[in-house]
Amino acid sequence: RGVLIASLILCSQATFAALQLGQLSWLLTLAVTLAWRADRADARWRAGLLLGCLMAAKPFLGVFGVYALWRRSSALLGGMAIGMLAFAAAGLAAGGPLAYWSWIFVLGRVNWPAHLANGSL
C-alpha cells in the first residue's frame, strides 16, 4: 500500500511541476502526512514537532500555527516551537552562522520576477 501511494505521488503532475521549478516541497509530503496522522491519533506533541520542522523548512506552512491557536492546544504549539528550534539548530550545526548570513544577504538582493506557478513571496 505504501509503494502504491508513493508511486502515485511521484507520478503526479504536481510532482513534475515541482521538479521542473526546482522545488523540493514534494519531498515533505511524507512528513505532512505523518503529522496529520499524529494529530488524528491525538498525539498532539508529535504532530507539532513534525509541523514545526516543516514550518522551519517551508514558512507558508505557518498557517498550522493559526490552527493550533484555534484549537487552543498547548501541546501542539509546544511541539511546533521545539520542532522549529531543532530544525534551525540542525541547519546552524550543518552550515554554521555564515550559511544563515549568506542566505539573508541573497534574499535581500532578489530582483528577478517570480515564476507564475510559484506561490512563494
N, C-alpha and C. Protein backbone atom coordinates (compact mmCIF):
# COMPACT_ATOMS: atom_id res chain seq x y z
N ARG A 1 0.82 -1.19 0.00
CA ARG A 1 0.00 0.00 0.00
C ARG A 1 0.87 1.26 0.00
N GLY A 2 1.95 1.27 0.78
CA GLY A 2 2.85 2.42 0.81
C GLY A 2 3.53 2.65 -0.52
N VAL A 3 3.89 1.57 -1.22
CA VAL A 3 4.53 1.69 -2.53
C VAL A 3 3.55 2.28 -3.53
N LEU A 4 2.30 1.88 -3.45
CA LEU A 4 1.28 2.42 -4.35
C LEU A 4 1.10 3.92 -4.13
N ILE A 5 1.02 4.33 -2.87
CA ILE A 5 0.85 5.75 -2.57
C ILE A 5 2.07 6.54 -3.03
N ALA A 6 3.27 6.03 -2.75
CA ALA A 6 4.49 6.71 -3.19
C ALA A 6 4.54 6.80 -4.72
N SER A 7 4.13 5.76 -5.40
CA SER A 7 4.12 5.77 -6.87
C SER A 7 3.16 6.83 -7.41
N LEU A 8 1.99 6.93 -6.79
CA LEU A 8 1.01 7.93 -7.23
C LEU A 8 1.54 9.35 -7.02
N ILE A 9 2.21 9.56 -5.89
CA ILE A 9 2.77 10.89 -5.62
C ILE A 9 3.87 11.21 -6.62
N LEU A 10 4.76 10.25 -6.87
CA LEU A 10 5.88 10.50 -7.77
C LEU A 10 5.44 10.64 -9.23
N CYS A 11 4.29 10.07 -9.58
CA CYS A 11 3.81 10.16 -10.96
C CYS A 11 2.82 11.30 -11.18
N SER A 12 2.57 12.10 -10.18
CA SER A 12 1.57 13.16 -10.33
C SER A 12 2.14 14.37 -11.08
N GLN A 13 1.27 15.12 -11.69
CA GLN A 13 1.66 16.32 -12.41
C GLN A 13 2.25 17.35 -11.47
N ALA A 14 1.73 17.40 -10.24
CA ALA A 14 2.26 18.36 -9.27
C ALA A 14 3.73 18.07 -8.95
N THR A 15 4.08 16.80 -8.87
CA THR A 15 5.48 16.44 -8.61
C THR A 15 6.36 16.86 -9.78
N PHE A 16 5.91 16.62 -10.99
CA PHE A 16 6.70 17.03 -12.16
C PHE A 16 6.86 18.55 -12.22
N ALA A 17 5.80 19.28 -11.90
CA ALA A 17 5.89 20.75 -11.89
C ALA A 17 6.88 21.21 -10.82
N ALA A 18 6.83 20.59 -9.66
CA ALA A 18 7.76 20.96 -8.58
C ALA A 18 9.20 20.68 -8.99
N LEU A 19 9.43 19.54 -9.61
CA LEU A 19 10.78 19.22 -10.07
C LEU A 19 11.25 20.19 -11.15
N GLN A 20 10.36 20.55 -12.05
CA GLN A 20 10.71 21.49 -13.12
C GLN A 20 11.08 22.85 -12.56
N LEU A 21 10.42 23.26 -11.49
CA LEU A 21 10.70 24.55 -10.87
C LEU A 21 11.84 24.48 -9.86
N GLY A 22 12.39 23.29 -9.64
CA GLY A 22 13.48 23.14 -8.69
C GLY A 22 13.01 23.13 -7.24
N GLN A 23 11.73 22.90 -7.03
CA GLN A 23 11.18 22.86 -5.67
C GLN A 23 11.28 21.44 -5.11
N LEU A 24 11.51 21.35 -3.82
CA LEU A 24 11.59 20.05 -3.16
C LEU A 24 10.42 19.83 -2.21
N SER A 25 9.38 20.61 -2.37
CA SER A 25 8.22 20.52 -1.48
C SER A 25 7.60 19.13 -1.49
N TRP A 26 7.63 18.48 -2.63
CA TRP A 26 7.01 17.17 -2.74
C TRP A 26 7.68 16.16 -1.80
N LEU A 27 8.93 16.40 -1.44
CA LEU A 27 9.60 15.50 -0.50
C LEU A 27 9.03 15.62 0.91
N LEU A 28 8.39 16.74 1.19
CA LEU A 28 7.84 16.97 2.52
C LEU A 28 6.46 16.33 2.71
N THR A 29 5.93 15.75 1.65
CA THR A 29 4.60 15.15 1.72
C THR A 29 4.51 14.08 2.80
N LEU A 30 5.54 13.26 2.93
CA LEU A 30 5.52 12.20 3.93
C LEU A 30 5.44 12.79 5.34
N ALA A 31 6.23 13.82 5.62
CA ALA A 31 6.21 14.44 6.94
C ALA A 31 4.86 15.10 7.23
N VAL A 32 4.26 15.73 6.23
CA VAL A 32 2.94 16.35 6.42
C VAL A 32 1.91 15.26 6.71
N THR A 33 2.00 14.15 6.01
CA THR A 33 1.07 13.04 6.23
C THR A 33 1.25 12.45 7.61
N LEU A 34 2.50 12.28 8.05
CA LEU A 34 2.75 11.75 9.39
C LEU A 34 2.24 12.70 10.47
N ALA A 35 2.38 14.00 10.25
CA ALA A 35 1.87 14.99 11.20
C ALA A 35 0.34 14.92 11.26
N TRP A 36 -0.28 14.79 10.13
CA TRP A 36 -1.74 14.68 10.07
C TRP A 36 -2.21 13.43 10.82
N ARG A 37 -1.52 12.30 10.58
CA ARG A 37 -1.89 11.05 11.27
C ARG A 37 -1.68 11.18 12.77
N ALA A 38 -0.60 11.83 13.18
CA ALA A 38 -0.35 12.01 14.61
C ALA A 38 -1.45 12.88 15.24
N ASP A 39 -1.86 13.91 14.54
CA ASP A 39 -2.93 14.77 15.05
C ASP A 39 -4.23 14.00 15.16
N ARG A 40 -4.52 13.19 14.17
CA ARG A 40 -5.75 12.39 14.19
C ARG A 40 -5.74 11.36 15.32
N ALA A 41 -4.52 10.91 15.70
CA ALA A 41 -4.38 9.92 16.78
C ALA A 41 -4.24 10.60 18.14
N ASP A 42 -4.48 11.90 18.21
CA ASP A 42 -4.36 12.70 19.44
C ASP A 42 -2.94 12.72 20.00
N ALA A 43 -1.95 12.54 19.15
CA ALA A 43 -0.54 12.67 19.54
C ALA A 43 -0.12 14.08 19.16
N ARG A 44 -0.67 15.06 19.88
CA ARG A 44 -0.53 16.47 19.51
C ARG A 44 0.93 16.95 19.53
N TRP A 45 1.69 16.51 20.55
CA TRP A 45 3.08 16.97 20.65
C TRP A 45 3.89 16.46 19.46
N ARG A 46 3.71 15.20 19.09
CA ARG A 46 4.43 14.64 17.94
C ARG A 46 4.00 15.34 16.65
N ALA A 47 2.72 15.61 16.51
CA ALA A 47 2.24 16.34 15.33
C ALA A 47 2.87 17.73 15.28
N GLY A 48 2.93 18.40 16.43
CA GLY A 48 3.54 19.73 16.49
C GLY A 48 5.01 19.69 16.18
N LEU A 49 5.72 18.68 16.65
CA LEU A 49 7.14 18.55 16.37
C LEU A 49 7.39 18.42 14.87
N LEU A 50 6.63 17.56 14.23
CA LEU A 50 6.77 17.41 12.78
C LEU A 50 6.40 18.69 12.05
N LEU A 51 5.29 19.31 12.45
CA LEU A 51 4.87 20.55 11.79
C LEU A 51 5.87 21.67 12.02
N GLY A 52 6.48 21.71 13.20
CA GLY A 52 7.49 22.74 13.48
C GLY A 52 8.68 22.61 12.54
N CYS A 53 9.14 21.38 12.33
CA CYS A 53 10.24 21.17 11.38
C CYS A 53 9.82 21.59 9.96
N LEU A 54 8.61 21.23 9.59
CA LEU A 54 8.11 21.59 8.27
C LEU A 54 7.96 23.10 8.12
N MET A 55 7.49 23.77 9.18
CA MET A 55 7.30 25.22 9.13
C MET A 55 8.65 25.94 9.03
N ALA A 56 9.68 25.37 9.63
CA ALA A 56 11.00 25.97 9.51
C ALA A 56 11.55 25.82 8.10
N ALA A 57 11.18 24.72 7.44
CA ALA A 57 11.64 24.48 6.07
C ALA A 57 10.82 25.26 5.05
N LYS A 58 9.53 25.32 5.27
CA LYS A 58 8.61 25.99 4.35
C LYS A 58 7.68 26.90 5.16
N PRO A 59 8.03 28.18 5.31
CA PRO A 59 7.26 29.08 6.18
C PRO A 59 5.78 29.21 5.85
N PHE A 60 5.37 28.93 4.63
CA PHE A 60 3.95 29.05 4.30
C PHE A 60 3.12 28.04 5.09
N LEU A 61 3.76 27.01 5.62
CA LEU A 61 3.04 26.05 6.45
C LEU A 61 2.75 26.61 7.84
N GLY A 62 3.17 27.84 8.09
CA GLY A 62 2.87 28.53 9.34
C GLY A 62 1.39 28.68 9.60
N VAL A 63 0.57 28.46 8.59
CA VAL A 63 -0.88 28.50 8.76
C VAL A 63 -1.31 27.47 9.80
N PHE A 64 -0.53 26.42 9.98
CA PHE A 64 -0.86 25.43 11.00
C PHE A 64 -0.68 25.99 12.41
N GLY A 65 0.12 27.04 12.56
CA GLY A 65 0.21 27.73 13.84
C GLY A 65 -1.11 28.37 14.22
N VAL A 66 -1.79 28.94 13.24
CA VAL A 66 -3.13 29.50 13.46
C VAL A 66 -4.10 28.39 13.85
N TYR A 67 -3.95 27.26 13.19
CA TYR A 67 -4.79 26.10 13.51
C TYR A 67 -4.59 25.67 14.97
N ALA A 68 -3.32 25.63 15.42
CA ALA A 68 -3.03 25.24 16.80
C ALA A 68 -3.60 26.25 17.78
N LEU A 69 -3.52 27.53 17.45
CA LEU A 69 -4.11 28.56 18.31
C LEU A 69 -5.63 28.42 18.37
N TRP A 70 -6.24 28.16 17.23
CA TRP A 70 -7.69 27.98 17.17
C TRP A 70 -8.14 26.79 18.02
N ARG A 71 -7.32 25.73 18.00
CA ARG A 71 -7.64 24.53 18.80
C ARG A 71 -7.26 24.69 20.27
N ARG A 72 -6.53 25.74 20.58
CA ARG A 72 -6.05 26.00 21.94
C ARG A 72 -5.27 24.80 22.49
N SER A 73 -4.37 24.28 21.64
CA SER A 73 -3.59 23.11 22.01
C SER A 73 -2.17 23.53 22.35
N SER A 74 -1.87 23.55 23.65
CA SER A 74 -0.52 23.92 24.07
C SER A 74 0.49 22.85 23.68
N ALA A 75 0.07 21.59 23.64
CA ALA A 75 0.99 20.52 23.23
C ALA A 75 1.37 20.68 21.76
N LEU A 76 0.42 21.01 20.93
CA LEU A 76 0.69 21.22 19.51
C LEU A 76 1.60 22.43 19.31
N LEU A 77 1.31 23.53 19.99
CA LEU A 77 2.15 24.73 19.89
C LEU A 77 3.55 24.50 20.44
N GLY A 78 3.65 23.80 21.56
CA GLY A 78 4.95 23.49 22.13
C GLY A 78 5.78 22.62 21.22
N GLY A 79 5.14 21.61 20.63
CA GLY A 79 5.84 20.75 19.67
C GLY A 79 6.32 21.53 18.46
N MET A 80 5.50 22.46 17.99
CA MET A 80 5.89 23.30 16.86
C MET A 80 7.12 24.14 17.20
N ALA A 81 7.12 24.73 18.38
CA ALA A 81 8.25 25.58 18.80
C ALA A 81 9.53 24.75 18.89
N ILE A 82 9.44 23.58 19.52
CA ILE A 82 10.62 22.70 19.65
C ILE A 82 11.07 22.24 18.27
N GLY A 83 10.14 21.88 17.39
CA GLY A 83 10.49 21.43 16.04
C GLY A 83 11.20 22.51 15.24
N MET A 84 10.69 23.74 15.32
CA MET A 84 11.33 24.84 14.59
C MET A 84 12.74 25.10 15.13
N LEU A 85 12.87 25.11 16.45
CA LEU A 85 14.19 25.33 17.04
C LEU A 85 15.17 24.21 16.69
N ALA A 86 14.69 22.98 16.72
CA ALA A 86 15.57 21.84 16.39
C ALA A 86 16.01 21.90 14.93
N PHE A 87 15.08 22.25 14.05
CA PHE A 87 15.41 22.33 12.62
C PHE A 87 16.42 23.45 12.37
N ALA A 88 16.21 24.59 13.02
CA ALA A 88 17.14 25.72 12.88
C ALA A 88 18.50 25.37 13.47
N ALA A 89 18.52 24.67 14.60
CA ALA A 89 19.78 24.27 15.22
C ALA A 89 20.54 23.28 14.34
N ALA A 90 19.81 22.37 13.71
CA ALA A 90 20.45 21.41 12.80
C ALA A 90 21.08 22.14 11.61
N GLY A 91 20.36 23.13 11.07
CA GLY A 91 20.90 23.93 9.98
C GLY A 91 22.12 24.72 10.40
N LEU A 92 22.07 25.25 11.60
CA LEU A 92 23.20 26.01 12.14
C LEU A 92 24.41 25.09 12.36
N ALA A 93 24.16 23.89 12.86
CA ALA A 93 25.25 22.95 13.08
C ALA A 93 25.85 22.47 11.75
N ALA A 94 25.00 22.29 10.75
CA ALA A 94 25.49 21.79 9.46
C ALA A 94 26.21 22.86 8.65
N GLY A 95 25.68 24.09 8.65
CA GLY A 95 26.25 25.13 7.79
C GLY A 95 26.95 26.25 8.52
N GLY A 96 26.73 26.34 9.80
CA GLY A 96 27.34 27.42 10.56
C GLY A 96 26.59 28.72 10.38
N PRO A 97 26.95 29.72 11.18
CA PRO A 97 26.24 31.01 11.09
C PRO A 97 26.45 31.71 9.75
N LEU A 98 27.55 31.45 9.09
CA LEU A 98 27.81 32.09 7.81
C LEU A 98 26.77 31.68 6.76
N ALA A 99 26.30 30.45 6.83
CA ALA A 99 25.27 29.99 5.89
C ALA A 99 23.99 30.79 6.05
N TYR A 100 23.60 31.07 7.30
CA TYR A 100 22.40 31.86 7.54
C TYR A 100 22.59 33.30 7.07
N TRP A 101 23.75 33.87 7.36
CA TRP A 101 24.00 35.25 6.94
C TRP A 101 24.03 35.38 5.43
N SER A 102 24.61 34.41 4.73
CA SER A 102 24.65 34.49 3.27
C SER A 102 23.24 34.33 2.69
N TRP A 103 22.41 33.51 3.33
CA TRP A 103 21.03 33.33 2.89
C TRP A 103 20.27 34.64 3.02
N ILE A 104 20.40 35.31 4.16
CA ILE A 104 19.74 36.60 4.38
C ILE A 104 20.26 37.64 3.40
N PHE A 105 21.57 37.63 3.14
CA PHE A 105 22.18 38.56 2.19
C PHE A 105 21.59 38.38 0.79
N VAL A 106 21.50 37.14 0.34
CA VAL A 106 20.96 36.87 -1.00
C VAL A 106 19.48 37.22 -1.08
N LEU A 107 18.72 36.89 -0.04
CA LEU A 107 17.29 37.21 -0.05
C LEU A 107 17.05 38.71 -0.17
N GLY A 108 17.92 39.50 0.41
CA GLY A 108 17.77 40.95 0.34
C GLY A 108 18.07 41.53 -1.03
N ARG A 109 18.65 40.75 -1.90
CA ARG A 109 19.03 41.24 -3.22
C ARG A 109 18.28 40.57 -4.37
N VAL A 110 17.22 39.88 -4.06
CA VAL A 110 16.41 39.23 -5.09
C VAL A 110 15.69 40.31 -5.89
N ASN A 111 15.88 40.31 -7.20
CA ASN A 111 15.20 41.29 -8.03
C ASN A 111 14.63 40.67 -9.31
N TRP A 112 14.69 39.37 -9.43
CA TRP A 112 14.14 38.74 -10.61
C TRP A 112 12.66 38.43 -10.37
N PRO A 113 11.87 38.39 -11.45
CA PRO A 113 10.44 38.11 -11.28
C PRO A 113 10.20 36.66 -10.92
N ALA A 114 9.16 36.42 -10.17
CA ALA A 114 8.81 35.06 -9.76
C ALA A 114 8.16 34.32 -10.91
N HIS A 115 8.27 33.02 -10.90
CA HIS A 115 7.59 32.18 -11.86
C HIS A 115 6.09 32.20 -11.55
N LEU A 116 5.24 32.19 -12.54
CA LEU A 116 3.79 32.27 -12.35
C LEU A 116 3.25 31.13 -11.52
N ALA A 117 3.89 29.94 -11.62
CA ALA A 117 3.39 28.77 -10.89
C ALA A 117 3.96 28.68 -9.49
N ASN A 118 4.77 29.63 -9.08
CA ASN A 118 5.39 29.59 -7.76
C ASN A 118 4.64 30.53 -6.83
N GLY A 119 4.18 29.99 -5.70
CA GLY A 119 3.41 30.80 -4.75
C GLY A 119 4.26 31.45 -3.68
N SER A 120 5.57 31.32 -3.74
CA SER A 120 6.43 31.90 -2.72
C SER A 120 6.51 33.42 -2.89
N LEU A 121 6.74 34.08 -1.76
CA LEU A 121 6.89 35.54 -1.84
C LEU A 121 8.29 35.85 -2.27
